[in-house]
Protein backbone atom coordinates (compact mmCIF):
# COMPACT_ATOMS: atom_id res chain seq x y z
CA MET A 1 42.11 -0.72 -6.63
CA ALA A 2 39.41 -1.00 -9.11
CA GLU A 3 38.66 -4.31 -10.56
CA GLN A 4 37.85 -5.37 -13.73
CA MET A 5 34.58 -7.37 -14.65
CA THR A 6 31.56 -7.36 -17.14
CA GLY A 7 28.96 -4.67 -16.76
CA ALA A 8 26.92 -7.36 -15.73
CA ALA A 9 29.53 -8.82 -12.82
CA SER A 10 29.32 -4.92 -11.91
CA LEU A 11 25.89 -4.75 -12.00
CA ILE A 12 25.56 -7.75 -9.20
CA LYS A 13 28.39 -5.75 -7.30
CA SER A 14 26.79 -2.71 -7.26
CA LEU A 15 23.77 -4.43 -5.66
CA GLU A 16 25.71 -5.77 -3.10
CA HIS A 17 26.96 -2.73 -2.32
CA ALA A 18 23.86 -1.20 -2.06
CA GLY A 19 22.44 -3.81 0.68
CA VAL A 20 20.56 -6.21 -1.69
CA ASP A 21 20.01 -9.44 0.19
CA THR A 22 16.67 -10.17 -1.56
CA VAL A 23 15.64 -9.64 -5.50
CA PHE A 24 12.56 -10.59 -7.37
CA GLY A 25 12.59 -11.34 -11.34
CA ILE A 26 12.84 -13.84 -14.45
CA PRO A 27 16.01 -13.52 -16.97
CA GLY A 28 14.77 -13.58 -20.64
CA GLY A 29 17.24 -12.20 -23.50
CA ALA A 30 18.12 -9.39 -22.80
CA ILE A 31 18.84 -9.29 -19.00
CA LEU A 32 20.46 -12.68 -19.35
CA PRO A 33 24.47 -11.54 -19.08
CA ALA A 34 23.50 -10.30 -15.79
CA TYR A 35 22.26 -13.87 -14.65
CA ASP A 36 25.61 -15.40 -14.78
CA PRO A 37 27.30 -13.74 -12.20
CA LEU A 38 24.01 -13.29 -10.05
CA MET A 39 24.13 -17.28 -10.07
CA ASP A 40 27.21 -16.63 -8.06
CA SER A 41 26.18 -14.10 -5.37
CA GLU A 42 26.43 -15.30 -1.85
CA GLN A 43 24.65 -12.21 -0.62
CA ILE A 44 21.96 -12.02 -3.06
CA ARG A 45 18.99 -14.59 -2.99
CA HIS A 46 16.85 -14.11 -5.78
CA ILE A 47 13.02 -15.80 -6.35
CA LEU A 48 11.95 -16.97 -9.29
CA VAL A 49 8.67 -15.46 -9.78
CA ARG A 50 6.09 -16.84 -12.14
CA HIS A 51 5.52 -13.45 -13.85
CA GLU A 52 6.98 -10.24 -13.76
CA GLN A 53 3.85 -8.38 -12.25
CA ALA A 54 4.00 -10.04 -9.49
CA ALA A 55 8.40 -9.51 -9.07
CA GLY A 56 6.96 -5.76 -8.42
CA HIS A 57 4.39 -6.67 -5.99
CA ALA A 58 6.88 -8.77 -4.43
CA ALA A 59 9.52 -5.87 -4.26
CA GLU A 60 6.78 -3.84 -2.63
CA GLY A 61 5.88 -6.02 0.09
CA TYR A 62 9.25 -6.38 1.00
CA ALA A 63 9.77 -3.10 1.08
CA GLN A 64 6.97 -2.35 3.36
CA THR A 65 8.40 -5.63 5.69
CA SER A 66 11.67 -5.02 5.48
CA GLY A 67 12.65 -0.98 6.12
CA LYS A 68 14.67 -1.83 3.23
CA THR A 69 14.43 -0.86 -0.72
CA GLY A 70 12.68 -3.53 -2.55
CA VAL A 71 14.16 -5.02 -5.76
CA CYS A 72 12.90 -6.76 -9.16
CA ILE A 73 14.53 -7.94 -12.41
CA ALA A 74 12.98 -8.40 -15.60
CA THR A 75 14.13 -8.76 -19.58
CA SER A 76 13.35 -6.16 -22.30
CA GLY A 77 10.25 -6.08 -23.36
CA PRO A 78 7.27 -7.53 -22.25
CA GLY A 79 8.99 -8.29 -19.63
CA ALA A 80 9.54 -4.62 -18.54
CA THR A 81 6.33 -3.58 -19.76
CA ASN A 82 4.89 -6.39 -17.14
CA LEU A 83 6.83 -4.29 -14.38
CA VAL A 84 4.68 -1.47 -15.17
CA THR A 85 1.80 -2.04 -13.24
CA PRO A 86 3.53 -2.68 -10.13
CA ILE A 87 6.23 0.43 -10.80
CA ALA A 88 2.95 2.36 -10.99
CA ASP A 89 1.34 0.65 -7.55
CA ALA A 90 4.62 2.11 -5.69
CA TYR A 91 4.39 5.33 -7.52
CA MET A 92 0.72 5.84 -5.90
CA ASP A 93 1.62 4.29 -2.60
CA SER A 94 4.82 6.05 -1.76
CA VAL A 95 6.97 2.38 -1.65
CA PRO A 96 10.38 2.23 -2.48
CA ILE A 97 11.26 0.19 -5.42
CA VAL A 98 14.34 -0.15 -8.01
CA ALA A 99 13.16 -1.82 -10.99
CA ILE A 100 15.78 -3.22 -13.51
CA THR A 101 15.29 -4.01 -17.06
CA GLY A 102 17.47 -5.80 -19.51
CA GLN A 103 17.56 -3.37 -22.91
CA VAL A 104 18.10 -4.65 -25.91
CA PRO A 105 21.59 -3.74 -27.52
CA SER A 106 22.14 0.34 -28.16
CA THR A 107 23.06 -0.26 -31.54
CA ALA A 108 19.38 -1.43 -32.11
CA ILE A 109 17.75 0.87 -29.79
CA GLY A 110 14.79 2.84 -30.95
CA THR A 111 14.47 0.40 -34.39
CA ASP A 112 11.86 -1.54 -32.86
CA ALA A 113 14.22 -5.04 -32.72
CA PHE A 114 12.83 -8.01 -31.43
CA GLN A 115 11.33 -7.52 -27.66
CA GLU A 116 12.14 -3.80 -27.51
CA ALA A 117 9.69 -1.64 -25.27
CA ASP A 118 10.93 1.91 -24.73
CA ILE A 119 10.76 1.71 -21.33
CA SER A 120 12.49 4.69 -19.76
CA GLY A 121 9.52 6.69 -21.70
CA ILE A 122 6.96 4.36 -20.80
CA THR A 123 7.56 4.63 -17.05
CA MET A 124 8.60 8.34 -17.12
CA PRO A 125 5.66 9.75 -15.69
CA ILE A 126 5.33 7.02 -12.87
CA VAL A 127 8.47 6.98 -11.18
CA LYS A 128 10.62 9.33 -9.11
CA HIS A 129 13.44 9.23 -11.96
CA ASN A 130 15.00 6.43 -14.46
CA TYR A 131 17.90 5.40 -16.33
CA LEU A 132 19.02 4.13 -19.24
CA VAL A 133 22.73 3.03 -19.19
CA THR A 134 24.45 2.16 -22.62
CA ASP A 135 28.02 2.27 -20.94
CA PRO A 136 29.16 -0.37 -18.59
CA ALA A 137 31.00 2.28 -16.83
CA GLU A 138 27.75 3.75 -15.47
CA ILE A 139 26.35 0.82 -14.16
CA PRO A 140 27.46 1.58 -10.21
CA ARG A 141 26.80 5.22 -10.35
CA ALA A 142 23.14 4.60 -11.71
CA ILE A 143 22.65 1.71 -9.30
CA ALA A 144 23.70 4.33 -6.21
CA GLU A 145 21.81 7.21 -7.17
CA ALA A 146 18.32 4.84 -7.66
CA PHE A 147 18.99 3.71 -4.45
CA HIS A 148 19.81 7.48 -3.03
CA LEU A 149 16.25 8.37 -5.00
CA ALA A 150 13.71 5.70 -4.16
CA GLY A 151 14.60 5.94 -0.58
CA THR A 152 15.05 9.23 0.22
CA GLY A 153 12.39 12.65 0.41
CA ARG A 154 9.11 10.80 -0.68
CA PRO A 155 9.98 7.19 -0.94
CA GLY A 156 9.35 5.82 -4.50
CA PRO A 157 10.08 3.54 -8.05
CA VAL A 158 13.03 4.34 -9.84
CA LEU A 159 13.74 2.23 -12.68
CA VAL A 160 17.22 0.88 -14.24
CA ASP A 161 17.28 -0.13 -17.94
CA ILE A 162 20.56 -1.22 -19.49
CA SER A 163 21.45 -2.30 -22.82
CA LYS A 164 22.69 -5.67 -23.76
CA ASP A 165 25.82 -4.49 -24.85
CA ALA A 166 26.40 -2.90 -21.91
CA LEU A 167 26.02 -6.17 -19.49
CA ALA A 168 28.36 -7.73 -21.51
CA ALA A 169 30.96 -5.33 -22.18
CA GLN A 170 34.22 -5.41 -20.07
CA THR A 171 34.56 -2.11 -17.73
CA THR A 172 36.37 -1.05 -14.36
CA PHE A 173 34.56 -1.42 -11.16
CA ARG A 174 34.08 2.13 -9.25
CA TRP A 175 31.15 2.65 -6.39
CA PRO A 176 30.75 5.73 -6.23
CA GLY A 177 31.24 7.62 -2.79
CA GLU A 178 28.23 9.60 -1.05
CA VAL A 179 25.45 10.20 -3.78
CA ASP A 180 24.93 14.03 -4.59
CA LEU A 181 22.46 15.08 -6.79
CA PRO A 182 22.49 18.63 -7.92
CA GLY A 183 18.49 20.11 -7.44
CA TYR A 184 17.70 16.81 -5.28
CA ARG A 185 17.62 18.23 -1.66
CA PRO A 186 14.13 16.91 0.06
CA THR A 187 13.02 18.98 2.56
CA THR A 188 13.14 17.08 5.81
CA ALA A 189 13.12 19.85 9.00
CA PRO A 190 10.21 21.67 9.03
CA HIS A 191 10.04 26.06 8.99
CA GLY A 192 9.60 26.99 12.43
CA LYS A 193 7.34 29.74 11.55
CA GLN A 194 4.92 27.34 10.07
CA ILE A 195 5.13 25.57 13.28
CA LYS A 196 4.31 28.62 15.20
CA GLU A 197 1.67 29.09 12.88
CA ALA A 198 0.32 25.35 13.08
CA ALA A 199 0.25 25.64 17.12
CA LYS A 200 -1.35 28.91 16.66
CA LEU A 201 -4.96 27.89 14.77
CA ILE A 202 -4.62 24.44 16.30
CA ALA A 203 -4.78 26.28 19.97
CA LYS A 204 -8.28 28.04 19.15
CA SER A 205 -9.84 25.43 17.59
CA HIS A 206 -13.03 24.27 18.70
CA ARG A 207 -13.46 21.06 16.10
CA PRO A 208 -9.89 19.93 15.06
CA VAL A 209 -9.22 16.78 13.72
CA LEU A 210 -5.60 14.57 13.01
CA TYR A 211 -6.33 13.51 9.27
CA ILE A 212 -3.49 11.19 8.97
CA GLY A 213 -2.05 9.61 5.65
CA GLY A 214 0.80 6.87 4.49
CA GLY A 215 3.16 9.32 5.08
CA VAL A 216 2.90 8.89 8.81
CA VAL A 217 3.92 5.05 8.09
CA ARG A 218 6.34 5.70 5.57
CA ALA A 219 8.72 8.51 7.96
CA ASP A 220 7.81 5.46 11.25
CA ALA A 221 6.27 8.38 13.18
CA SER A 222 3.65 6.21 14.72
CA ALA A 223 5.10 6.75 18.69
CA GLU A 224 5.49 10.70 17.68
CA LEU A 225 1.81 10.77 16.36
CA LEU A 226 0.16 9.22 19.41
CA GLU A 227 1.93 11.68 21.61
CA LEU A 228 0.43 14.30 19.59
CA ALA A 229 -2.56 13.04 20.00
CA GLU A 230 -2.54 12.27 23.98
CA LEU A 231 -0.98 16.04 24.65
CA THR A 232 -3.71 17.75 22.67
CA GLY A 233 -6.66 15.13 22.99
CA ILE A 234 -7.37 15.94 19.25
CA PRO A 235 -9.40 13.37 17.44
CA VAL A 236 -7.55 11.14 14.29
CA VAL A 237 -8.75 9.54 11.65
CA THR A 238 -6.61 7.21 9.15
CA THR A 239 -6.95 6.79 5.73
CA LEU A 240 -6.90 3.40 3.88
CA MET A 241 -2.82 3.56 3.54
CA ALA A 242 -2.26 4.71 7.25
CA ARG A 243 -4.44 1.67 8.97
CA GLY A 244 -2.55 0.94 12.32
CA ALA A 245 -0.43 4.15 12.13
CA PHE A 246 -2.72 4.77 14.96
CA PRO A 247 -3.71 2.19 17.41
CA ASP A 248 -7.46 1.07 16.15
CA SER A 249 -8.44 0.28 19.92
CA HIS A 250 -7.43 3.84 21.32
CA LYS A 251 -10.64 6.11 21.89
CA GLN A 252 -9.19 9.11 20.43
CA ASN A 253 -9.38 6.86 17.00
CA LEU A 254 -12.24 7.68 14.80
CA GLY A 255 -11.31 5.07 11.94
CA MET A 256 -10.71 5.58 8.37
CA PRO A 257 -12.84 8.49 6.69
CA GLY A 258 -13.69 8.27 2.87
CA MET A 259 -16.14 6.37 0.64
CA HIS A 260 -16.36 3.58 2.81
CA GLY A 261 -15.47 5.13 6.07
CA THR A 262 -17.26 4.85 9.62
CA VAL A 263 -19.26 7.90 9.74
CA PRO A 264 -18.07 9.16 12.85
CA ALA A 265 -14.69 9.61 10.77
CA VAL A 266 -16.49 11.02 7.78
CA GLY A 267 -18.67 13.10 9.53
CA ALA A 268 -15.63 14.78 11.68
CA LEU A 269 -13.99 16.40 8.91
CA GLN A 270 -17.15 17.24 7.18
CA GLN A 271 -17.73 19.18 10.77
CA ALA A 272 -14.33 20.19 11.83
CA ASP A 273 -13.24 23.60 11.96
CA LEU A 274 -9.48 22.68 11.21
CA LEU A 275 -8.12 19.50 10.04
CA ILE A 276 -4.08 18.87 10.31
CA ALA A 277 -3.13 16.85 7.63
CA ILE A 278 0.08 14.73 7.79
CA GLY A 279 1.76 12.96 5.34
CA THR A 280 -1.89 12.64 3.25
CA ARG A 281 -2.99 13.92 -0.36
CA PHE A 282 -6.38 14.59 -0.19
CA ASP A 283 -7.70 11.85 -2.41
CA ASP A 284 -10.71 11.91 -3.99
CA ARG A 285 -11.95 8.63 -2.41
CA VAL A 286 -11.42 10.42 1.24
CA THR A 287 -13.03 13.95 -0.13
CA GLY A 288 -15.57 12.54 -2.73
CA LYS A 289 -16.75 16.16 -3.92
CA LEU A 290 -14.01 18.16 -3.02
CA ASP A 291 -15.36 21.82 -3.47
CA SER A 292 -18.38 20.26 -0.75
CA PHE A 293 -15.21 18.40 1.28
CA ALA A 294 -14.53 19.59 5.15
CA PRO A 295 -16.48 23.09 4.17
CA TYR A 296 -15.87 24.59 7.92
CA ALA A 297 -11.98 24.00 7.88
CA LYS A 298 -9.18 25.48 7.78
CA ILE A 299 -5.77 23.17 6.41
CA ILE A 300 -2.83 22.70 8.14
CA HIS A 301 -0.95 20.44 5.19
CA ALA A 302 2.36 18.64 6.14
CA ASP A 303 3.90 16.74 3.72
CA ILE A 304 7.41 16.08 2.56
CA ASP A 305 6.41 15.95 -0.94
CA PRO A 306 5.88 20.13 -1.78
CA ALA A 307 4.15 19.02 -4.88
CA GLU A 308 1.31 17.53 -2.82
CA ILE A 309 0.92 20.71 -1.06
CA GLY A 310 -2.48 22.82 -1.85
CA LYS A 311 -2.70 20.30 -5.06
CA ASN A 312 -6.15 19.84 -3.91
CA ARG A 313 -7.25 21.18 -1.37
CA HIS A 314 -5.92 24.97 -0.59
CA ALA A 315 -3.43 24.85 2.70
CA ASP A 316 -3.65 27.68 5.09
CA VAL A 317 -0.69 26.65 6.93
CA PRO A 318 1.49 24.48 4.23
CA ILE A 319 4.36 22.64 5.71
CA VAL A 320 7.30 21.00 3.71
CA GLY A 321 9.39 18.25 5.70
CA ASP A 322 9.23 14.97 6.89
CA ALA A 323 6.09 13.67 9.17
CA ARG A 324 8.18 12.49 11.90
CA GLU A 325 9.89 15.47 12.47
CA THR A 326 6.78 17.55 11.71
CA ILE A 327 5.27 15.86 14.57
CA ILE A 328 7.94 16.54 16.95
CA ALA A 329 8.52 20.26 16.49
CA LEU A 330 4.35 20.47 17.10
CA ILE A 331 4.03 18.59 19.85
CA LYS A 332 7.47 21.18 21.49
CA ALA A 333 5.38 24.11 20.24
CA LEU A 334 2.23 22.75 21.92
CA GLN A 335 3.41 21.50 25.20
CA PRO A 336 3.02 24.94 26.26
CA ARG A 337 -0.76 25.96 24.86
CA ARG A 338 -1.65 22.52 26.04
CA GLN A 339 -4.24 24.21 28.36
CA ASP A 340 -5.97 25.99 25.92
CA ILE A 341 -7.10 23.08 23.57
CA ASP A 342 -10.78 23.07 24.56
CA ILE A 343 -12.10 20.99 22.62
CA ALA A 344 -14.87 18.62 25.67
CA ASP A 345 -18.01 19.90 23.36
CA TRP A 346 -16.67 18.53 20.10
CA TRP A 347 -15.71 15.45 22.07
CA GLN A 348 -19.83 14.99 23.06
CA VAL A 349 -20.64 15.22 19.59
CA LEU A 350 -18.21 12.92 18.48
CA ASP A 351 -18.87 10.50 21.07
CA GLY A 352 -22.65 10.42 19.91
CA TRP A 353 -21.86 9.53 16.48
CA VAL A 354 -19.60 6.61 17.59
CA GLU A 355 -22.17 5.32 19.82
CA ARG A 356 -24.98 5.39 17.38
CA PHE A 357 -23.05 4.37 13.87
CA PRO A 358 -20.95 1.48 14.62
CA LEU A 359 -19.42 -0.75 11.92
CA GLY A 360 -21.94 -3.45 11.48
CA TYR A 361 -23.19 -6.11 9.11
CA ASP A 362 -25.97 -8.12 8.41
CA GLU A 363 -25.80 -12.26 8.84
CA HIS A 364 -27.39 -14.27 5.70
CA GLU A 365 -29.76 -16.60 6.42
CA THR A 366 -28.57 -19.70 4.30
CA ALA A 367 -24.52 -18.38 3.47
CA LEU A 368 -21.58 -16.82 4.94
CA ALA A 369 -21.20 -13.34 5.59
CA PRO A 370 -17.85 -12.38 4.25
CA GLN A 371 -17.58 -9.83 6.88
CA TYR A 372 -17.61 -12.49 9.70
CA VAL A 373 -14.52 -14.40 7.84
CA ILE A 374 -13.07 -11.70 7.72
CA GLU A 375 -13.94 -10.32 11.58
CA ARG A 376 -12.83 -13.67 12.78
CA LEU A 377 -9.36 -14.16 11.39
CA GLY A 378 -8.58 -10.84 12.80
CA GLN A 379 -9.42 -11.88 16.25
CA ILE A 380 -7.90 -15.24 15.77
CA VAL A 381 -4.70 -14.39 14.08
CA GLY A 382 -4.07 -10.94 16.36
CA PRO A 383 -2.62 -8.07 15.53
CA ASP A 384 1.05 -9.49 15.09
CA ALA A 385 0.39 -10.92 12.29
CA ILE A 386 0.79 -8.91 8.50
CA TYR A 387 -2.16 -8.84 6.59
CA CYS A 388 -2.37 -8.08 3.02
CA ALA A 389 -5.80 -7.05 1.02
CA GLY A 390 -6.34 -7.48 -2.68
CA VAL A 391 -8.79 -4.78 -4.27
CA GLY A 392 -12.73 -4.47 -3.68
CA GLN A 393 -15.25 -5.46 -0.91
CA HIS A 394 -12.37 -7.86 1.00
CA GLN A 395 -10.17 -5.20 0.62
CA MET A 396 -12.75 -2.48 2.50
CA TRP A 397 -13.96 -5.44 4.63
CA ALA A 398 -10.29 -6.27 5.80
CA SER A 399 -9.89 -2.45 6.46
CA GLN A 400 -12.90 -2.18 8.63
CA PHE A 401 -13.69 -5.16 10.28
CA ILE A 402 -9.67 -5.95 11.42
CA SER A 403 -8.36 -3.95 14.50
CA TYR A 404 -4.97 -2.70 13.60
CA GLU A 405 -2.39 -1.85 16.09
CA LYS A 406 0.53 -1.55 14.59
CA PRO A 407 2.12 0.52 11.88
CA GLY A 408 3.27 -1.91 9.00
CA HIS A 409 0.81 -4.30 9.29
CA TRP A 410 -1.41 -3.49 6.64
CA LEU A 411 -0.70 -3.68 3.19
CA ASN A 412 -2.66 -3.16 0.33
CA SER A 413 -2.78 -0.95 -2.87
CA GLY A 414 -4.75 1.68 -1.77
CA GLY A 415 -3.67 4.40 -4.59
CA LEU A 416 -4.17 2.63 -7.90
CA GLY A 417 -6.40 0.12 -7.11
CA THR A 418 -4.12 -3.20 -8.56
CA MET A 419 -6.02 -6.84 -8.48
CA GLY A 420 -3.88 -9.17 -8.13
CA TYR A 421 -1.43 -7.66 -5.23
CA ALA A 422 -2.24 -9.39 -2.27
CA VAL A 423 -0.34 -12.86 -3.47
CA PRO A 424 2.87 -11.83 -4.55
CA ALA A 425 2.71 -8.50 -2.13
CA ALA A 426 2.39 -11.17 0.85
CA MET A 427 5.35 -13.15 -0.53
CA GLY A 428 7.70 -10.26 -0.53
CA ALA A 429 6.17 -9.05 3.48
CA LYS A 430 7.00 -13.01 4.87
CA MET A 431 10.75 -12.52 2.65
CA GLY A 432 11.00 -9.38 4.39
CA ALA A 433 9.38 -10.69 7.89
CA PRO A 434 10.09 -14.61 8.07
CA ASP A 435 9.25 -14.07 11.83
CA LYS A 436 5.90 -12.52 11.12
CA VAL A 437 2.75 -14.65 10.03
CA VAL A 438 1.75 -13.31 7.11
CA TRP A 439 -2.05 -13.43 5.63
CA ALA A 440 -2.99 -12.35 2.07
CA ILE A 441 -6.94 -11.17 2.42
CA ASP A 442 -7.82 -11.84 -1.46
CA GLY A 443 -11.01 -12.16 -3.67
CA ASP A 444 -11.71 -14.84 -5.84
CA GLY A 445 -11.33 -12.15 -8.62
CA CYS A 446 -8.14 -10.75 -7.70
CA PHE A 447 -6.93 -14.32 -7.06
CA GLN A 448 -7.04 -15.52 -10.44
CA MET A 449 -4.68 -13.09 -11.76
CA THR A 450 -1.76 -13.80 -9.59
CA ASN A 451 -2.42 -17.44 -8.09
CA GLN A 452 0.25 -18.90 -10.07
CA GLU A 453 2.53 -17.12 -7.32
CA LEU A 454 1.55 -19.86 -4.55
CA ALA A 455 4.50 -22.27 -6.78
CA THR A 456 7.09 -19.70 -6.46
CA CYS A 457 6.01 -19.35 -2.58
CA ALA A 458 5.60 -23.39 -2.02
CA ILE A 459 9.05 -23.96 -4.02
CA ASN A 460 10.93 -21.12 -2.10
CA ASN A 461 9.32 -22.23 1.26
CA ILE A 462 7.35 -19.30 2.29
CA PRO A 463 4.20 -20.36 3.98
CA ILE A 464 1.81 -17.41 3.32
CA LYS A 465 -1.54 -18.10 4.50
CA VAL A 466 -4.18 -16.94 1.98
CA ALA A 467 -8.02 -15.81 2.82
CA LEU A 468 -9.87 -16.34 -0.21
CA ILE A 469 -13.14 -14.98 0.26
CA ASN A 470 -14.85 -16.29 -2.62
CA ASN A 471 -18.10 -14.39 -3.90
CA SER A 472 -17.99 -16.20 -6.83
CA SER A 473 -18.30 -12.66 -8.57
CA LEU A 474 -16.38 -9.38 -9.43
CA GLY A 475 -17.86 -8.11 -6.03
CA MET A 476 -17.28 -4.06 -5.83
CA VAL A 477 -18.40 -4.29 -9.78
CA ARG A 478 -21.33 -6.20 -8.71
CA GLN A 479 -22.37 -3.79 -5.83
CA TRP A 480 -22.19 -1.11 -8.31
CA GLN A 481 -24.28 -3.10 -10.43
CA THR A 482 -26.50 -3.45 -7.81
CA LEU A 483 -26.61 0.60 -6.72
CA PHE A 484 -26.37 2.25 -9.80
CA TYR A 485 -27.22 -0.18 -12.62
CA ASN A 486 -30.74 -1.51 -11.81
CA GLU A 487 -28.75 -4.75 -11.43
CA ARG A 488 -28.05 -5.77 -14.60
CA TYR A 489 -24.76 -7.89 -13.87
CA SER A 490 -22.89 -7.41 -16.93
CA ASN A 491 -20.06 -9.88 -17.04
CA THR A 492 -19.43 -10.34 -13.25
CA ASP A 493 -20.34 -13.33 -12.59
CA LEU A 494 -17.04 -15.71 -12.37
CA HIS A 495 -18.84 -18.64 -11.31
CA SER A 496 -15.78 -19.26 -8.72
CA HIS A 497 -17.64 -21.40 -6.65
CA ARG A 498 -17.19 -24.08 -9.03
CA PHE A 499 -14.65 -23.12 -11.73
CA PRO A 500 -11.96 -23.76 -10.52
CA ASP A 501 -11.60 -25.62 -7.08
CA PHE A 502 -9.48 -23.73 -4.99
CA VAL A 503 -8.50 -26.55 -2.93
CA LYS A 504 -7.68 -28.85 -5.43
CA LEU A 505 -5.67 -25.73 -7.49
CA ALA A 506 -3.81 -24.88 -4.17
CA GLU A 507 -2.74 -28.41 -3.59
CA ALA A 508 -1.96 -28.84 -7.41
CA TYR A 509 1.08 -25.67 -6.56
CA GLY A 510 2.03 -27.82 -3.51
CA CYS A 511 0.13 -25.88 -0.66
CA TYR A 512 -2.48 -27.06 1.87
CA GLY A 513 -6.18 -26.19 0.42
CA LEU A 514 -9.19 -25.58 2.52
CA ARG A 515 -12.99 -24.85 2.48
CA ALA A 516 -15.55 -23.51 5.31
CA GLU A 517 -18.67 -22.43 3.88
CA SER A 518 -20.81 -22.01 6.89
CA ARG A 519 -20.42 -19.93 9.89
CA GLU A 520 -19.82 -22.67 12.26
CA GLU A 521 -16.31 -23.96 10.17
CA VAL A 522 -14.61 -20.90 9.76
CA ASP A 523 -12.85 -21.14 13.41
CA ALA A 524 -11.51 -24.22 13.13
CA VAL A 525 -10.72 -23.66 9.14
CA ILE A 526 -8.39 -20.67 10.50
CA GLU A 527 -6.90 -22.38 13.32
CA LYS A 528 -5.85 -25.10 10.80
CA ALA A 529 -4.26 -22.74 8.72
CA MET A 530 -2.24 -21.05 11.99
CA ALA A 531 -1.19 -24.42 12.61
CA LEU A 532 0.30 -25.47 9.31
CA ASN A 533 3.65 -23.81 8.77
CA ASP A 534 5.48 -25.88 6.25
CA ALA A 535 3.90 -24.84 3.47
CA PRO A 536 1.77 -22.02 2.15
CA VAL A 537 -1.97 -22.55 2.83
CA VAL A 538 -5.17 -21.35 1.28
CA ILE A 539 -8.59 -21.12 2.58
CA ASP A 540 -11.20 -20.90 0.08
CA PHE A 541 -13.99 -19.32 2.37
CA GLN A 542 -16.99 -19.77 0.13
CA VAL A 543 -19.36 -16.47 1.10
CA HIS A 544 -22.49 -15.21 -0.46
CA ARG A 545 -22.50 -12.50 -3.13
CA ASP A 546 -25.02 -9.77 -2.02
CA ALA A 547 -23.10 -8.98 1.13
CA MET A 548 -21.97 -4.58 0.69
CA VAL A 549 -19.93 -2.95 1.93
CA TRP A 550 -21.08 -0.20 4.23
CA PRO A 551 -20.77 3.06 4.56
CA MET A 552 -20.69 4.31 1.59
CA VAL A 553 -20.02 7.67 0.04
CA PRO A 554 -20.96 7.06 -4.04
CA ALA A 555 -18.49 8.31 -6.39
CA GLY A 556 -18.21 12.07 -7.08
CA THR A 557 -20.90 13.47 -4.46
CA SER A 558 -20.27 15.04 -1.50
CA ASN A 559 -19.07 13.00 1.96
CA ASP A 560 -22.56 14.41 3.18
CA LEU A 561 -24.50 11.66 1.27
CA ILE A 562 -22.97 9.30 3.18
CA THR A 563 -25.53 5.80 3.84
CA THR A 564 -24.48 3.31 6.26
CA ALA A 565 -26.82 0.98 4.37
CA ARG A 566 -29.17 0.93 1.42
CA ASP A 567 -31.05 4.37 1.33
CA LEU A 568 -30.92 4.58 5.30
CA ALA A 569 -28.25 7.86 5.98
CA PRO A 570 -27.70 9.39 9.05
CA ALA A 571 -29.19 12.78 10.05
CA TRP A 572 -26.31 14.90 10.64
CA GLU A 573 -26.63 18.04 13.27
CA ARG A 574 -25.38 20.52 10.82
CA GLU A 575 -23.86 24.23 11.23
CA ASP A 576 -26.19 26.66 10.03
């Protein structure tokens, strides 16, 4: 039997039907009608954030740890535009979120009314799809379709913008049956012919590499990847978004490729004769100068998004399909041919690189090395924790010096590079996986963009832990100024060793505030933070500002130009 209710009540009921249990948001004039029935929902917990950007990042963190679609809510105008950054972030990193925004009354749309912004138009390039709803009867259908679109195929963000009068008006609630969208048919099963062609190429290759991207994590295909790798003996490289998709401890894992990747990973791609690229998009940070990337390699490119295949690099064997289903099909095709794969000579070269070019860092004589802090954090806390990183040097060190053994335990803003991501994403991650220890690894620059969400965490009993890598600088920008701008440090000194006092700031927000300034203090302060579980914890690690991220491939150059330290490059055995 159909129920009579307001559009706002229909919205909340629709969210309940979609299985939503947690939303992050802030009320405002246009979305206000929805907040009244939200108060009566016994299913949905609303987390009142301090900034809409944080609502979006929290929805991302929640989605990645819970396996559900994250939800954020904002009002019209500036509320909606504050969601643009996390929506773009979710789009770049293929995170399923639904953003719900209020809009001015339908009669006022297009008049430049108070707090009006064309959020549908603004977000068009950075969403899978969006809706402008002005008829309350359309709310259930829009919500049902939004969740279907966000969570199927290549995941991503969907925006639902609802006018205030549609929320206030009376309507009849009807939840739609099975969602059927003409023209939207994600291909999940790979084509058998392409699988056979891929198997042939793999069997006759001499220097193959499994080039694994975040799509493998999104498809929950880590177990299948392990089986494929062990069946074939092929080396594995995992992009920044795929850290944990293949265990770091596994002997076939060469590490992360790209601008700050390991020498063996970068070298393997450059010298390979075959790349088996699965769930990755040949991002510029991996390829460097595109026309010099993997010059000897044929390409097998498997992705659920056909738009990615051949976009940056021609695929000799294109495979459209879900990463998990693709890997299963490859395993089946390769089992009778496993004896044909002979890459012993290739492994001899790779093992030599692994031995000669391990990751490392220099200790500072008088100050704390940030790499040491992050390395010890990973060793003490262990691989079962979830690590969320901001953007910059600390993000790269966290990807390098923490050992990731499981998928979904490393969250970061990879594609968009969003400062301010870590704290709200950690908050959402903790909501999605309350039994897990969640650490935000943040820089002093990133932290000061969203640290107000410590209040949200304290009030809502979300005991995240924050490792603040405080070098008193915009560290990655400073590194570039050191290397490429003659050490002219224009506007990168944040004075964060003094302003603010992060320990006092943490305490002011109802959190524990701790500090470490020397190597001897590091272990004790991490262990103390691990023992404090009744409130969020912030540790101010005051580290030296001249530490740099190595190895490094300068932007826009060939991966062949990787340096292991300043002015120090490996000597490659090159193919003539």
